[in-house]
Amino acid sequence: MANETKVLNVEGMSCMHCVAAVKESVGALPGVTKVEPDLASKTVKVEFDGDQVKLDDIKEKIQDAGYEVV
């Protein structure tokens, strides 16, 4: 079990619906244990098991939800 925490800069989040969409989308990935979007800082903090899910998969889920990881 390789627990990792990453903070991603995300463009396009502007409301609580955006926060919920990112949280639900990323949280559905196996191995993701915590998702904390922050509107004020335009970031998403993600805790995950690197043996189960890769950072690129997390970024892809955010982009699939309509937001840009920068």
PDB file of N, CA and C in Angstrom:
ATOM      1  N   MET A   1       0.837  -1.178   0.000  1.00  0.00           N
ATOM      2  CA  MET A   1       0.000   0.000   0.000  1.00  0.00           C
ATOM      3  C   MET A   1       0.885   1.245   0.000  1.00  0.00           C
ATOM      4  N   ALA A   2       0.837   1.992  -1.086  1.00  0.00           N
ATOM      5  CA  ALA A   2       1.669   3.183  -1.230  1.00  0.00           C
ATOM      6  C   ALA A   2       0.796   4.431  -1.149  1.00  0.00           C
ATOM      7  N   ASN A   3       0.554   4.923   0.058  1.00  0.00           N
ATOM      8  CA  ASN A   3      -0.294   6.101   0.232  1.00  0.00           C
ATOM      9  C   ASN A   3       0.433   7.354  -0.229  1.00  0.00           C
ATOM     10  N   GLU A   4      -0.274   8.146  -1.036  1.00  0.00           N
ATOM     11  CA  GLU A   4       0.273   9.390  -1.553  1.00  0.00           C
ATOM     12  C   GLU A   4      -0.747  10.495  -1.363  1.00  0.00           C
ATOM     13  N   THR A   5      -0.256  11.717  -1.226  1.00  0.00           N
ATOM     14  CA  THR A   5      -1.116  12.896  -1.188  1.00  0.00           C
ATOM     15  C   THR A   5      -0.575  13.883  -2.206  1.00  0.00           C
ATOM     16  N   LYS A   6      -1.453  14.373  -3.072  1.00  0.00           N
ATOM     17  CA  LYS A   6      -1.063  15.354  -4.085  1.00  0.00           C
ATOM     18  C   LYS A   6      -2.049  16.506  -4.060  1.00  0.00           C
ATOM     19  N   VAL A   7      -1.560  17.700  -4.322  1.00  0.00           N
ATOM     20  CA  VAL A   7      -2.415  18.871  -4.473  1.00  0.00           C
ATOM     21  C   VAL A   7      -2.297  19.316  -5.925  1.00  0.00           C
ATOM     22  N   LEU A   8      -3.438  19.305  -6.623  1.00  0.00           N
ATOM     23  CA  LEU A   8      -3.470  19.646  -8.039  1.00  0.00           C
ATOM     24  C   LEU A   8      -4.107  21.017  -8.231  1.00  0.00           C
ATOM     25  N   ASN A   9      -3.536  21.825  -9.115  1.00  0.00           N
ATOM     26  CA  ASN A   9      -4.144  23.096  -9.494  1.00  0.00           C
ATOM     27  C   ASN A   9      -5.169  22.807 -10.580  1.00  0.00           C
ATOM     28  N   VAL A  10      -6.401  23.271 -10.359  1.00  0.00           N
ATOM     29  CA  VAL A  10      -7.495  22.954 -11.273  1.00  0.00           C
ATOM     30  C   VAL A  10      -8.202  24.239 -11.689  1.00  0.00           C
ATOM     31  N   GLU A  11      -8.302  24.459 -12.991  1.00  0.00           N
ATOM     32  CA  GLU A  11      -8.992  25.621 -13.543  1.00  0.00           C
ATOM     33  C   GLU A  11     -10.429  25.255 -13.883  1.00  0.00           C
ATOM     34  N   GLY A  12     -11.335  26.210 -13.711  1.00  0.00           N
ATOM     35  CA  GLY A  12     -12.712  26.019 -14.140  1.00  0.00           C
ATOM     36  C   GLY A  12     -13.704  25.762 -13.022  1.00  0.00           C
ATOM     37  N   MET A  13     -13.226  25.489 -11.811  1.00  0.00           N
ATOM     38  CA  MET A  13     -14.153  25.292 -10.692  1.00  0.00           C
ATOM     39  C   MET A  13     -14.626  26.664 -10.214  1.00  0.00           C
ATOM     40  N   SER A  14     -15.958  26.869 -10.188  1.00  0.00           N
ATOM     41  CA  SER A  14     -16.462  28.181  -9.806  1.00  0.00           C
ATOM     42  C   SER A  14     -17.618  28.147  -8.810  1.00  0.00           C
ATOM     43  N   CYS A  15     -18.114  26.953  -8.478  1.00  0.00           N
ATOM     44  CA  CYS A  15     -19.264  26.877  -7.577  1.00  0.00           C
ATOM     45  C   CYS A  15     -19.258  25.541  -6.829  1.00  0.00           C
ATOM     46  N   MET A  16     -20.205  25.394  -5.920  1.00  0.00           N
ATOM     47  CA  MET A  16     -20.278  24.160  -5.140  1.00  0.00           C
ATOM     48  C   MET A  16     -20.643  22.957  -6.009  1.00  0.00           C
ATOM     49  N   HIS A  17     -21.351  23.188  -7.111  1.00  0.00           N
ATOM     50  CA  HIS A  17     -21.649  22.091  -8.037  1.00  0.00           C
ATOM     51  C   HIS A  17     -20.340  21.559  -8.631  1.00  0.00           C
ATOM     52  N   CYS A  18     -19.432  22.459  -8.955  1.00  0.00           N
ATOM     53  CA  CYS A  18     -18.122  22.059  -9.490  1.00  0.00           C
ATOM     54  C   CYS A  18     -17.371  21.206  -8.465  1.00  0.00           C
ATOM     55  N   VAL A  19     -17.385  21.648  -7.220  1.00  0.00           N
ATOM     56  CA  VAL A  19     -16.721  20.919  -6.139  1.00  0.00           C
ATOM     57  C   VAL A  19     -17.299  19.514  -6.025  1.00  0.00           C
ATOM     58  N   ALA A  20     -18.634  19.423  -6.042  1.00  0.00           N
ATOM     59  CA  ALA A  20     -19.299  18.124  -5.919  1.00  0.00           C
ATOM     60  C   ALA A  20     -18.982  17.223  -7.103  1.00  0.00           C
ATOM     61  N   ALA A  21     -18.939  17.795  -8.308  1.00  0.00           N
ATOM     62  CA  ALA A  21     -18.652  17.004  -9.511  1.00  0.00           C
ATOM     63  C   ALA A  21     -17.252  16.408  -9.455  1.00  0.00           C
ATOM     64  N   VAL A  22     -16.274  17.210  -9.055  1.00  0.00           N
ATOM     65  CA  VAL A  22     -14.896  16.729  -8.954  1.00  0.00           C
ATOM     66  C   VAL A  22     -14.785  15.677  -7.852  1.00  0.00           C
ATOM     67  N   LYS A  23     -15.379  15.963  -6.710  1.00  0.00           N
ATOM     68  CA  LYS A  23     -15.307  15.043  -5.572  1.00  0.00           C
ATOM     69  C   LYS A  23     -15.925  13.690  -5.920  1.00  0.00           C
ATOM     70  N   GLU A  24     -17.085  13.705  -6.571  1.00  0.00           N
ATOM     71  CA  GLU A  24     -17.768  12.463  -6.934  1.00  0.00           C
ATOM     72  C   GLU A  24     -16.990  11.689  -7.996  1.00  0.00           C
ATOM     73  N   SER A  25     -16.517  12.385  -9.005  1.00  0.00           N
ATOM     74  CA  SER A  25     -15.803  11.743 -10.108  1.00  0.00           C
ATOM     75  C   SER A  25     -14.505  11.089  -9.644  1.00  0.00           C
ATOM     76  N   VAL A  26     -13.678  11.845  -8.947  1.00  0.00           N
ATOM     77  CA  VAL A  26     -12.384  11.329  -8.488  1.00  0.00           C
ATOM     78  C   VAL A  26     -12.583  10.309  -7.366  1.00  0.00           C
ATOM     79  N   GLY A  27     -13.537  10.565  -6.488  1.00  0.00           N
ATOM     80  CA  GLY A  27     -13.797   9.666  -5.370  1.00  0.00           C
ATOM     81  C   GLY A  27     -14.252   8.281  -5.786  1.00  0.00           C
ATOM     82  N   ALA A  28     -14.764   8.156  -7.011  1.00  0.00           N
ATOM     83  CA  ALA A  28     -15.235   6.861  -7.512  1.00  0.00           C
ATOM     84  C   ALA A  28     -14.092   5.947  -7.947  1.00  0.00           C
ATOM     85  N   LEU A  29     -12.900   6.499  -8.093  1.00  0.00           N
ATOM     86  CA  LEU A  29     -11.761   5.680  -8.509  1.00  0.00           C
ATOM     87  C   LEU A  29     -11.320   4.755  -7.380  1.00  0.00           C
ATOM     88  N   PRO A  30     -11.036   3.488  -7.702  1.00  0.00           N
ATOM     89  CA  PRO A  30     -10.525   2.586  -6.668  1.00  0.00           C
ATOM     90  C   PRO A  30      -9.167   3.072  -6.169  1.00  0.00           C
ATOM     91  N   GLY A  31      -8.978   3.048  -4.870  1.00  0.00           N
ATOM     92  CA  GLY A  31      -7.710   3.473  -4.294  1.00  0.00           C
ATOM     93  C   GLY A  31      -7.694   4.911  -3.816  1.00  0.00           C
ATOM     94  N   VAL A  32      -8.690   5.714  -4.225  1.00  0.00           N
ATOM     95  CA  VAL A  32      -8.770   7.100  -3.760  1.00  0.00           C
ATOM     96  C   VAL A  32      -9.467   7.106  -2.403  1.00  0.00           C
ATOM     97  N   THR A  33      -8.799   7.666  -1.394  1.00  0.00           N
ATOM     98  CA  THR A  33      -9.354   7.653  -0.041  1.00  0.00           C
ATOM     99  C   THR A  33      -9.911   8.999   0.400  1.00  0.00           C
ATOM    100  N   LYS A  34      -9.462  10.092  -0.234  1.00  0.00           N
ATOM    101  CA  LYS A  34      -9.948  11.415   0.157  1.00  0.00           C
ATOM    102  C   LYS A  34      -9.796  12.383  -1.008  1.00  0.00           C
ATOM    103  N   VAL A  35     -10.827  13.208  -1.213  1.00  0.00           N
ATOM    104  CA  VAL A  35     -10.802  14.237  -2.252  1.00  0.00           C
ATOM    105  C   VAL A  35     -11.281  15.533  -1.612  1.00  0.00           C
ATOM    106  N   GLU A  36     -10.452  16.573  -1.665  1.00  0.00           N
ATOM    107  CA  GLU A  36     -10.794  17.855  -1.045  1.00  0.00           C
ATOM    108  C   GLU A  36     -10.610  19.004  -2.039  1.00  0.00           C
ATOM    109  N   PRO A  37     -11.640  19.299  -2.847  1.00  0.00           N
ATOM    110  CA  PRO A  37     -11.556  20.464  -3.731  1.00  0.00           C
ATOM    111  C   PRO A  37     -11.657  21.751  -2.910  1.00  0.00           C
ATOM    112  N   ASP A  38     -10.939  22.789  -3.316  1.00  0.00           N
ATOM    113  CA  ASP A  38     -10.967  24.084  -2.636  1.00  0.00           C
ATOM    114  C   ASP A  38     -11.182  25.177  -3.681  1.00  0.00           C
ATOM    115  N   LEU A  39     -12.369  25.782  -3.653  1.00  0.00           N
ATOM    116  CA  LEU A  39     -12.695  26.829  -4.628  1.00  0.00           C
ATOM    117  C   LEU A  39     -11.774  28.038  -4.514  1.00  0.00           C
ATOM    118  N   ALA A  40     -11.499  28.470  -3.296  1.00  0.00           N
ATOM    119  CA  ALA A  40     -10.714  29.681  -3.082  1.00  0.00           C
ATOM    120  C   ALA A  40      -9.318  29.574  -3.687  1.00  0.00           C
ATOM    121  N   SER A  41      -8.675  28.431  -3.502  1.00  0.00           N
ATOM    122  CA  SER A  41      -7.310  28.267  -4.009  1.00  0.00           C
ATOM    123  C   SER A  41      -7.264  27.572  -5.367  1.00  0.00           C
ATOM    124  N   LYS A  42      -8.441  27.158  -5.863  1.00  0.00           N
ATOM    125  CA  LYS A  42      -8.544  26.436  -7.140  1.00  0.00           C
ATOM    126  C   LYS A  42      -7.633  25.201  -7.159  1.00  0.00           C
ATOM    127  N   THR A  43      -7.696  24.448  -6.060  1.00  0.00           N
ATOM    128  CA  THR A  43      -6.898  23.231  -5.944  1.00  0.00           C
ATOM    129  C   THR A  43      -7.779  22.050  -5.551  1.00  0.00           C
ATOM    130  N   VAL A  44      -7.236  20.869  -5.786  1.00  0.00           N
ATOM    131  CA  VAL A  44      -7.877  19.641  -5.329  1.00  0.00           C
ATOM    132  C   VAL A  44      -6.799  18.808  -4.642  1.00  0.00           C
ATOM    133  N   LYS A  45      -7.002  18.532  -3.361  1.00  0.00           N
ATOM    134  CA  LYS A  45      -6.091  17.674  -2.604  1.00  0.00           C
ATOM    135  C   LYS A  45      -6.639  16.255  -2.681  1.00  0.00           C
ATOM    136  N   VAL A  46      -5.790  15.324  -3.090  1.00  0.00           N
ATOM    137  CA  VAL A  46      -6.218  13.937  -3.263  1.00  0.00           C
ATOM    138  C   VAL A  46      -5.286  13.015  -2.488  1.00  0.00           C
ATOM    139  N   GLU A  47      -5.872  12.141  -1.678  1.00  0.00           N
ATOM    140  CA  GLU A  47      -5.119  11.082  -1.005  1.00  0.00           C
ATOM    141  C   GLU A  47      -5.494   9.775  -1.679  1.00  0.00           C
ATOM    142  N   PHE A  48      -4.473   8.978  -2.035  1.00  0.00           N
ATOM    143  CA  PHE A  48      -4.745   7.750  -2.776  1.00  0.00           C
ATOM    144  C   PHE A  48      -3.650   6.718  -2.574  1.00  0.00           C
ATOM    145  N   ASP A  49      -3.993   5.486  -2.910  1.00  0.00           N
ATOM    146  CA  ASP A  49      -3.053   4.371  -2.873  1.00  0.00           C
ATOM    147  C   ASP A  49      -2.450   4.248  -4.269  1.00  0.00           C
ATOM    148  N   GLY A  50      -1.183   4.602  -4.388  1.00  0.00           N
ATOM    149  CA  GLY A  50      -0.497   4.583  -5.674  1.00  0.00           C
ATOM    150  C   GLY A  50      -0.369   3.209  -6.298  1.00  0.00           C
ATOM    151  N   ASP A  51      -0.600   2.155  -5.519  1.00  0.00           N
ATOM    152  CA  ASP A  51      -0.586   0.803  -6.074  1.00  0.00           C
ATOM    153  C   ASP A  51      -1.892   0.485  -6.795  1.00  0.00           C
ATOM    154  N   GLN A  52      -2.958   1.219  -6.457  1.00  0.00           N
ATOM    155  CA  GLN A  52      -4.267   0.951  -7.048  1.00  0.00           C
ATOM    156  C   GLN A  52      -4.659   1.937  -8.140  1.00  0.00           C
ATOM    157  N   VAL A  53      -4.193   3.167  -8.041  1.00  0.00           N
ATOM    158  CA  VAL A  53      -4.575   4.194  -9.010  1.00  0.00           C
ATOM    159  C   VAL A  53      -3.380   5.111  -9.253  1.00  0.00           C
ATOM    160  N   LYS A  54      -3.232   5.541 -10.475  1.00  0.00           N
ATOM    161  CA  LYS A  54      -2.122   6.418 -10.854  1.00  0.00           C
ATOM    162  C   LYS A  54      -2.585   7.873 -10.898  1.00  0.00           C
ATOM    163  N   LEU A  55      -1.669   8.792 -10.686  1.00  0.00           N
ATOM    164  CA  LEU A  55      -1.982  10.215 -10.711  1.00  0.00           C
ATOM    165  C   LEU A  55      -2.581  10.620 -12.057  1.00  0.00           C
ATOM    166  N   ASP A  56      -2.090  10.048 -13.141  1.00  0.00           N
ATOM    167  CA  ASP A  56      -2.638  10.362 -14.468  1.00  0.00           C
ATOM    168  C   ASP A  56      -4.108   9.986 -14.573  1.00  0.00           C
ATOM    169  N   ASP A  57      -4.520   8.893 -13.914  1.00  0.00           N
ATOM    170  CA  ASP A  57      -5.933   8.491 -13.915  1.00  0.00           C
ATOM    171  C   ASP A  57      -6.784   9.520 -13.170  1.00  0.00           C
ATOM    172  N   ILE A  58      -6.255  10.045 -12.090  1.00  0.00           N
ATOM    173  CA  ILE A  58      -6.963  11.062 -11.307  1.00  0.00           C
ATOM    174  C   ILE A  58      -7.115  12.336 -12.135  1.00  0.00           C
ATOM    175  N   LYS A  59      -6.035  12.759 -12.779  1.00  0.00           N
ATOM    176  CA  LYS A  59      -6.087  13.952 -13.627  1.00  0.00           C
ATOM    177  C   LYS A  59      -7.094  13.772 -14.756  1.00  0.00           C
ATOM    178  N   GLU A  60      -7.120  12.593 -15.350  1.00  0.00           N
ATOM    179  CA  GLU A  60      -8.049  12.308 -16.443  1.00  0.00           C
ATOM    180  C   GLU A  60      -9.502  12.412 -15.967  1.00  0.00           C
ATOM    181  N   LYS A  61      -9.794  11.910 -14.768  1.00  0.00           N
ATOM    182  CA  LYS A  61     -11.151  11.993 -14.211  1.00  0.00           C
ATOM    183  C   LYS A  61     -11.569  13.447 -14.009  1.00  0.00           C
ATOM    184  N   ILE A  62     -10.651  14.278 -13.542  1.00  0.00           N
ATOM    185  CA  ILE A  62     -10.951  15.700 -13.356  1.00  0.00           C
ATOM    186  C   ILE A  62     -11.248  16.343 -14.704  1.00  0.00           C
ATOM    187  N   GLN A  63     -10.445  16.018 -15.706  1.00  0.00           N
ATOM    188  CA  GLN A  63     -10.661  16.567 -17.040  1.00  0.00           C
ATOM    189  C   GLN A  63     -11.959  16.053 -17.650  1.00  0.00           C
ATOM    190  N   ASP A  64     -12.288  14.790 -17.415  1.00  0.00           N
ATOM    191  CA  ASP A  64     -13.550  14.228 -17.905  1.00  0.00           C
ATOM    192  C   ASP A  64     -14.757  14.936 -17.286  1.00  0.00           C
ATOM    193  N   ALA A  65     -14.580  15.454 -16.069  1.00  0.00           N
ATOM    194  CA  ALA A  65     -15.660  16.178 -15.393  1.00  0.00           C
ATOM    195  C   ALA A  65     -15.792  17.612 -15.916  1.00  0.00           C
ATOM    196  N   GLY A  66     -14.851  18.033 -16.787  1.00  0.00           N
ATOM    197  CA  GLY A  66     -14.947  19.341 -17.421  1.00  0.00           C
ATOM    198  C   GLY A  66     -14.016  20.407 -16.887  1.00  0.00           C
ATOM    199  N   TYR A  67     -12.994  20.006 -16.150  1.00  0.00           N
ATOM    200  CA  TYR A  67     -12.067  20.963 -15.553  1.00  0.00           C
ATOM    201  C   TYR A  67     -10.652  20.678 -16.024  1.00  0.00           C
ATOM    202  N   GLU A  68      -9.799  21.694 -15.967  1.00  0.00           N
ATOM    203  CA  GLU A  68      -8.439  21.560 -16.491  1.00  0.00           C
ATOM    204  C   GLU A  68      -7.422  21.510 -15.355  1.00  0.00           C
ATOM    205  N   VAL A  69      -6.602  20.465 -15.372  1.00  0.00           N
ATOM    206  CA  VAL A  69      -5.511  20.352 -14.406  1.00  0.00           C
ATOM    207  C   VAL A  69      -4.313  21.078 -15.004  1.00  0.00           C
ATOM    208  N   VAL A  70      -3.794  22.063 -14.257  1.00  0.00           N
ATOM    209  CA  VAL A  70      -2.665  22.859 -14.775  1.00  0.00           C
ATOM    210  C   VAL A  70      -1.426  22.657 -13.934  1.00  0.00           C
TER     211      VAL A  70
END
